[in-house]
Amino acid sequence: MFDKLFAAQQKAEEIKKRLDTISVFGEVENGAIKITSTANKAITGVAINEEFLKSADKEELEELLLTAINKALANAEEVSSTEMQASAKDMLGGLGGVFGQ
């Protein structure tokens, strides 16, 4: 029983590590601002187009940055959720014997 629980815990750790290697993006204004994040929701990059930056005011830039960040984090959540659901399905299948299923 404990072997299966330990294996499930190791699988969860592997997934977390894999999520750190998956990049997701959030873009606004046709790529004028692009945010890069890991699937673990760590922001790893911010790119702002030079031409856009010259013409944008502070309020517009702040608003669009928030939108791009939220898009990147939503994409990260989607990827993370999909990975975790697939893993949970595998883990629960492996634990079926523990619970008499």
N, C-alpha and C. Protein backbone atom coordinates (compact mmCIF):
# COMPACT_ATOMS: atom_id res chain seq x y z
N MET A 1 0.83 -1.19 0.00
CA MET A 1 0.00 0.00 0.00
C MET A 1 0.87 1.26 0.00
N PHE A 2 1.87 1.28 0.88
CA PHE A 2 2.72 2.47 0.97
C PHE A 2 3.56 2.64 -0.29
N ASP A 3 3.90 1.52 -0.94
CA ASP A 3 4.66 1.62 -2.19
C ASP A 3 3.87 2.38 -3.24
N LYS A 4 2.57 2.10 -3.32
CA LYS A 4 1.73 2.76 -4.30
C LYS A 4 1.56 4.24 -3.97
N LEU A 5 1.43 4.54 -2.69
CA LEU A 5 1.30 5.94 -2.29
C LEU A 5 2.60 6.70 -2.56
N PHE A 6 3.73 6.06 -2.30
CA PHE A 6 5.03 6.67 -2.57
C PHE A 6 5.20 6.91 -4.07
N ALA A 7 4.79 5.92 -4.88
CA ALA A 7 4.88 6.06 -6.34
C ALA A 7 4.00 7.20 -6.82
N ALA A 8 2.83 7.35 -6.23
CA ALA A 8 1.93 8.44 -6.61
C ALA A 8 2.54 9.79 -6.26
N GLN A 9 3.19 9.86 -5.10
CA GLN A 9 3.84 11.10 -4.69
C GLN A 9 4.98 11.44 -5.64
N GLN A 10 5.76 10.44 -6.02
CA GLN A 10 6.86 10.67 -6.96
C GLN A 10 6.33 11.15 -8.31
N LYS A 11 5.22 10.57 -8.75
CA LYS A 11 4.62 10.97 -10.02
C LYS A 11 4.19 12.44 -9.97
N ALA A 12 3.62 12.84 -8.86
CA ALA A 12 3.20 14.24 -8.70
C ALA A 12 4.40 15.18 -8.76
N GLU A 13 5.50 14.80 -8.15
CA GLU A 13 6.72 15.61 -8.20
C GLU A 13 7.27 15.70 -9.62
N GLU A 14 7.21 14.59 -10.34
CA GLU A 14 7.66 14.59 -11.73
C GLU A 14 6.83 15.55 -12.57
N ILE A 15 5.54 15.56 -12.33
CA ILE A 15 4.65 16.45 -13.08
C ILE A 15 5.00 17.90 -12.78
N LYS A 16 5.22 18.23 -11.51
CA LYS A 16 5.58 19.60 -11.15
C LYS A 16 6.86 20.03 -11.85
N LYS A 17 7.84 19.12 -11.90
CA LYS A 17 9.09 19.45 -12.58
C LYS A 17 8.85 19.64 -14.08
N ARG A 18 8.01 18.78 -14.67
CA ARG A 18 7.72 18.91 -16.09
C ARG A 18 7.00 20.22 -16.39
N LEU A 19 6.10 20.63 -15.50
CA LEU A 19 5.38 21.89 -15.70
C LEU A 19 6.33 23.08 -15.72
N ASP A 20 7.45 22.96 -15.01
CA ASP A 20 8.45 24.04 -15.03
C ASP A 20 9.13 24.17 -16.38
N THR A 21 9.07 23.11 -17.19
CA THR A 21 9.73 23.13 -18.50
C THR A 21 8.78 23.51 -19.63
N ILE A 22 7.49 23.66 -19.32
CA ILE A 22 6.50 24.00 -20.35
C ILE A 22 6.28 25.51 -20.32
N SER A 23 6.43 26.15 -21.47
CA SER A 23 6.19 27.59 -21.56
C SER A 23 4.83 27.86 -22.17
N VAL A 24 4.15 28.83 -21.60
CA VAL A 24 2.87 29.31 -22.13
C VAL A 24 2.98 30.82 -22.31
N PHE A 25 2.08 31.38 -23.08
CA PHE A 25 2.18 32.80 -23.43
C PHE A 25 0.85 33.52 -23.26
N GLY A 26 0.95 34.80 -23.07
CA GLY A 26 -0.20 35.70 -23.09
C GLY A 26 0.20 36.91 -23.91
N GLU A 27 -0.59 37.20 -24.94
CA GLU A 27 -0.27 38.33 -25.83
C GLU A 27 -1.47 39.26 -25.94
N VAL A 28 -1.16 40.53 -26.17
CA VAL A 28 -2.18 41.53 -26.46
C VAL A 28 -1.72 42.41 -27.61
N GLU A 29 -2.67 43.05 -28.25
CA GLU A 29 -2.38 43.99 -29.33
C GLU A 29 -1.49 43.37 -30.41
N ASN A 30 -1.90 42.19 -30.86
CA ASN A 30 -1.16 41.48 -31.93
C ASN A 30 0.32 41.29 -31.60
N GLY A 31 0.60 40.97 -30.34
CA GLY A 31 1.97 40.70 -29.95
C GLY A 31 2.75 41.91 -29.49
N ALA A 32 2.09 43.05 -29.35
CA ALA A 32 2.79 44.25 -28.87
C ALA A 32 3.36 44.01 -27.47
N ILE A 33 2.62 43.24 -26.67
CA ILE A 33 3.10 42.83 -25.35
C ILE A 33 2.94 41.32 -25.29
N LYS A 34 4.01 40.65 -24.90
CA LYS A 34 3.99 39.20 -24.80
C LYS A 34 4.58 38.78 -23.46
N ILE A 35 3.81 38.02 -22.71
CA ILE A 35 4.24 37.51 -21.42
C ILE A 35 4.49 36.01 -21.56
N THR A 36 5.60 35.55 -21.02
CA THR A 36 5.92 34.12 -21.01
C THR A 36 5.89 33.64 -19.57
N SER A 37 5.31 32.45 -19.39
CA SER A 37 5.18 31.86 -18.06
C SER A 37 5.44 30.36 -18.17
N THR A 38 5.81 29.75 -17.05
CA THR A 38 5.84 28.30 -17.01
C THR A 38 4.42 27.81 -16.73
N ALA A 39 4.18 26.53 -16.95
CA ALA A 39 2.88 25.96 -16.63
C ALA A 39 2.66 25.91 -15.12
N ASN A 40 3.71 26.16 -14.34
CA ASN A 40 3.60 26.28 -12.89
C ASN A 40 3.30 27.72 -12.46
N LYS A 41 2.98 28.56 -13.41
CA LYS A 41 2.54 29.94 -13.19
C LYS A 41 3.63 30.87 -12.67
N ALA A 42 4.86 30.63 -13.14
CA ALA A 42 5.95 31.55 -12.83
C ALA A 42 6.24 32.37 -14.08
N ILE A 43 6.11 33.69 -13.98
CA ILE A 43 6.38 34.56 -15.12
C ILE A 43 7.88 34.53 -15.40
N THR A 44 8.23 34.21 -16.66
CA THR A 44 9.64 34.09 -17.02
C THR A 44 10.10 35.12 -18.04
N GLY A 45 9.15 35.85 -18.63
CA GLY A 45 9.55 36.84 -19.61
C GLY A 45 8.47 37.86 -19.90
N VAL A 46 8.92 39.07 -20.20
CA VAL A 46 8.03 40.16 -20.61
C VAL A 46 8.69 40.81 -21.82
N ALA A 47 7.95 40.86 -22.92
CA ALA A 47 8.48 41.52 -24.12
C ALA A 47 7.48 42.58 -24.57
N ILE A 48 7.99 43.78 -24.78
CA ILE A 48 7.15 44.89 -25.23
C ILE A 48 7.77 45.45 -26.51
N ASN A 49 6.96 45.50 -27.55
CA ASN A 49 7.39 46.02 -28.84
C ASN A 49 7.81 47.48 -28.69
N GLU A 50 8.99 47.81 -29.25
CA GLU A 50 9.53 49.17 -29.14
C GLU A 50 8.58 50.23 -29.70
N GLU A 51 8.02 49.98 -30.88
CA GLU A 51 7.12 50.96 -31.50
C GLU A 51 5.87 51.17 -30.65
N PHE A 52 5.34 50.09 -30.13
CA PHE A 52 4.17 50.20 -29.26
C PHE A 52 4.51 51.00 -28.02
N LEU A 53 5.65 50.73 -27.43
CA LEU A 53 6.08 51.42 -26.21
C LEU A 53 6.19 52.93 -26.43
N LYS A 54 6.66 53.32 -27.59
CA LYS A 54 6.80 54.76 -27.89
C LYS A 54 5.45 55.46 -27.94
N SER A 55 4.42 54.77 -28.40
CA SER A 55 3.12 55.41 -28.57
C SER A 55 2.15 55.18 -27.41
N ALA A 56 2.45 54.27 -26.51
CA ALA A 56 1.52 53.94 -25.42
C ALA A 56 1.71 54.87 -24.24
N ASP A 57 0.60 55.17 -23.56
CA ASP A 57 0.74 55.94 -22.33
C ASP A 57 0.79 54.95 -21.15
N LYS A 58 1.14 55.48 -19.99
CA LYS A 58 1.34 54.65 -18.81
C LYS A 58 0.11 53.82 -18.47
N GLU A 59 -1.06 54.44 -18.47
CA GLU A 59 -2.29 53.74 -18.10
C GLU A 59 -2.61 52.61 -19.09
N GLU A 60 -2.45 52.88 -20.37
CA GLU A 60 -2.69 51.86 -21.39
C GLU A 60 -1.72 50.70 -21.23
N LEU A 61 -0.46 51.02 -21.01
CA LEU A 61 0.57 50.00 -20.83
C LEU A 61 0.26 49.11 -19.62
N GLU A 62 -0.10 49.73 -18.50
CA GLU A 62 -0.42 48.97 -17.29
C GLU A 62 -1.62 48.05 -17.52
N GLU A 63 -2.64 48.56 -18.16
CA GLU A 63 -3.85 47.77 -18.42
C GLU A 63 -3.55 46.58 -19.34
N LEU A 64 -2.78 46.84 -20.38
CA LEU A 64 -2.46 45.76 -21.32
C LEU A 64 -1.50 44.74 -20.71
N LEU A 65 -0.59 45.19 -19.86
CA LEU A 65 0.29 44.26 -19.15
C LEU A 65 -0.53 43.32 -18.27
N LEU A 66 -1.48 43.88 -17.54
CA LEU A 66 -2.34 43.05 -16.70
C LEU A 66 -3.11 42.02 -17.53
N THR A 67 -3.64 42.46 -18.65
CA THR A 67 -4.38 41.56 -19.52
C THR A 67 -3.49 40.44 -20.04
N ALA A 68 -2.30 40.78 -20.50
CA ALA A 68 -1.37 39.78 -21.02
C ALA A 68 -0.93 38.81 -19.93
N ILE A 69 -0.66 39.33 -18.74
CA ILE A 69 -0.26 38.47 -17.62
C ILE A 69 -1.39 37.50 -17.27
N ASN A 70 -2.59 38.03 -17.18
CA ASN A 70 -3.73 37.16 -16.86
C ASN A 70 -3.97 36.11 -17.93
N LYS A 71 -3.75 36.45 -19.19
CA LYS A 71 -3.87 35.45 -20.26
C LYS A 71 -2.81 34.36 -20.11
N ALA A 72 -1.60 34.76 -19.83
CA ALA A 72 -0.52 33.77 -19.65
C ALA A 72 -0.82 32.86 -18.47
N LEU A 73 -1.28 33.43 -17.36
CA LEU A 73 -1.59 32.62 -16.18
C LEU A 73 -2.79 31.71 -16.43
N ALA A 74 -3.77 32.17 -17.19
CA ALA A 74 -4.92 31.32 -17.53
C ALA A 74 -4.46 30.15 -18.40
N ASN A 75 -3.57 30.43 -19.34
CA ASN A 75 -3.03 29.35 -20.17
C ASN A 75 -2.22 28.37 -19.33
N ALA A 76 -1.47 28.89 -18.37
CA ALA A 76 -0.69 28.02 -17.48
C ALA A 76 -1.62 27.15 -16.65
N GLU A 77 -2.69 27.73 -16.16
CA GLU A 77 -3.66 26.97 -15.37
C GLU A 77 -4.29 25.86 -16.19
N GLU A 78 -4.61 26.15 -17.44
CA GLU A 78 -5.21 25.15 -18.32
C GLU A 78 -4.26 23.97 -18.55
N VAL A 79 -3.00 24.27 -18.85
CA VAL A 79 -2.01 23.21 -19.08
C VAL A 79 -1.79 22.42 -17.80
N SER A 80 -1.62 23.11 -16.69
CA SER A 80 -1.39 22.46 -15.40
C SER A 80 -2.56 21.56 -15.03
N SER A 81 -3.76 22.06 -15.20
CA SER A 81 -4.95 21.28 -14.88
C SER A 81 -5.04 20.02 -15.73
N THR A 82 -4.77 20.16 -17.01
CA THR A 82 -4.81 19.01 -17.92
C THR A 82 -3.78 17.97 -17.50
N GLU A 83 -2.57 18.41 -17.19
CA GLU A 83 -1.51 17.50 -16.76
C GLU A 83 -1.87 16.81 -15.45
N MET A 84 -2.38 17.56 -14.51
CA MET A 84 -2.73 17.00 -13.21
C MET A 84 -3.89 16.00 -13.32
N GLN A 85 -4.89 16.33 -14.16
CA GLN A 85 -6.02 15.42 -14.33
C GLN A 85 -5.56 14.10 -14.94
N ALA A 86 -4.70 14.17 -15.93
CA ALA A 86 -4.20 12.96 -16.56
C ALA A 86 -3.40 12.14 -15.55
N SER A 87 -2.61 12.81 -14.75
CA SER A 87 -1.81 12.12 -13.75
C SER A 87 -2.69 11.52 -12.67
N ALA A 88 -3.69 12.26 -12.23
CA ALA A 88 -4.59 11.76 -11.19
C ALA A 88 -5.32 10.52 -11.66
N LYS A 89 -5.70 10.53 -12.91
CA LYS A 89 -6.37 9.36 -13.47
C LYS A 89 -5.44 8.16 -13.43
N ASP A 90 -4.17 8.37 -13.81
CA ASP A 90 -3.18 7.29 -13.76
C ASP A 90 -2.95 6.83 -12.32
N MET A 91 -2.80 7.79 -11.41
CA MET A 91 -2.52 7.45 -10.02
C MET A 91 -3.70 6.71 -9.39
N LEU A 92 -4.91 7.18 -9.64
CA LEU A 92 -6.07 6.52 -9.06
C LEU A 92 -6.24 5.12 -9.62
N GLY A 93 -5.92 4.96 -10.87
CA GLY A 93 -5.95 3.62 -11.46
C GLY A 93 -4.96 2.71 -10.76
N GLY A 94 -3.80 3.22 -10.45
CA GLY A 94 -2.78 2.45 -9.77
C GLY A 94 -3.11 2.20 -8.31
N LEU A 95 -3.91 3.05 -7.72
CA LEU A 95 -4.28 2.91 -6.31
C LEU A 95 -5.55 2.08 -6.13
N GLY A 96 -6.17 1.71 -7.24
CA GLY A 96 -7.42 0.95 -7.16
C GLY A 96 -7.30 -0.27 -6.29
N GLY A 97 -6.17 -0.98 -6.35
CA GLY A 97 -5.97 -2.15 -5.53
C GLY A 97 -5.92 -1.84 -4.05
N VAL A 98 -5.44 -0.64 -3.72
CA VAL A 98 -5.34 -0.23 -2.32
C VAL A 98 -6.72 -0.09 -1.72
N PHE A 99 -7.66 0.41 -2.52
CA PHE A 99 -9.01 0.66 -2.02
C PHE A 99 -10.00 -0.43 -2.40
N GLY A 100 -9.49 -1.56 -2.88
CA GLY A 100 -10.35 -2.69 -3.18
C GLY A 100 -11.14 -2.56 -4.45
N GLN A 101 -10.72 -1.72 -5.36
CA GLN A 101 -11.46 -1.54 -6.62
C GLN A 101 -10.83 -2.34 -7.72
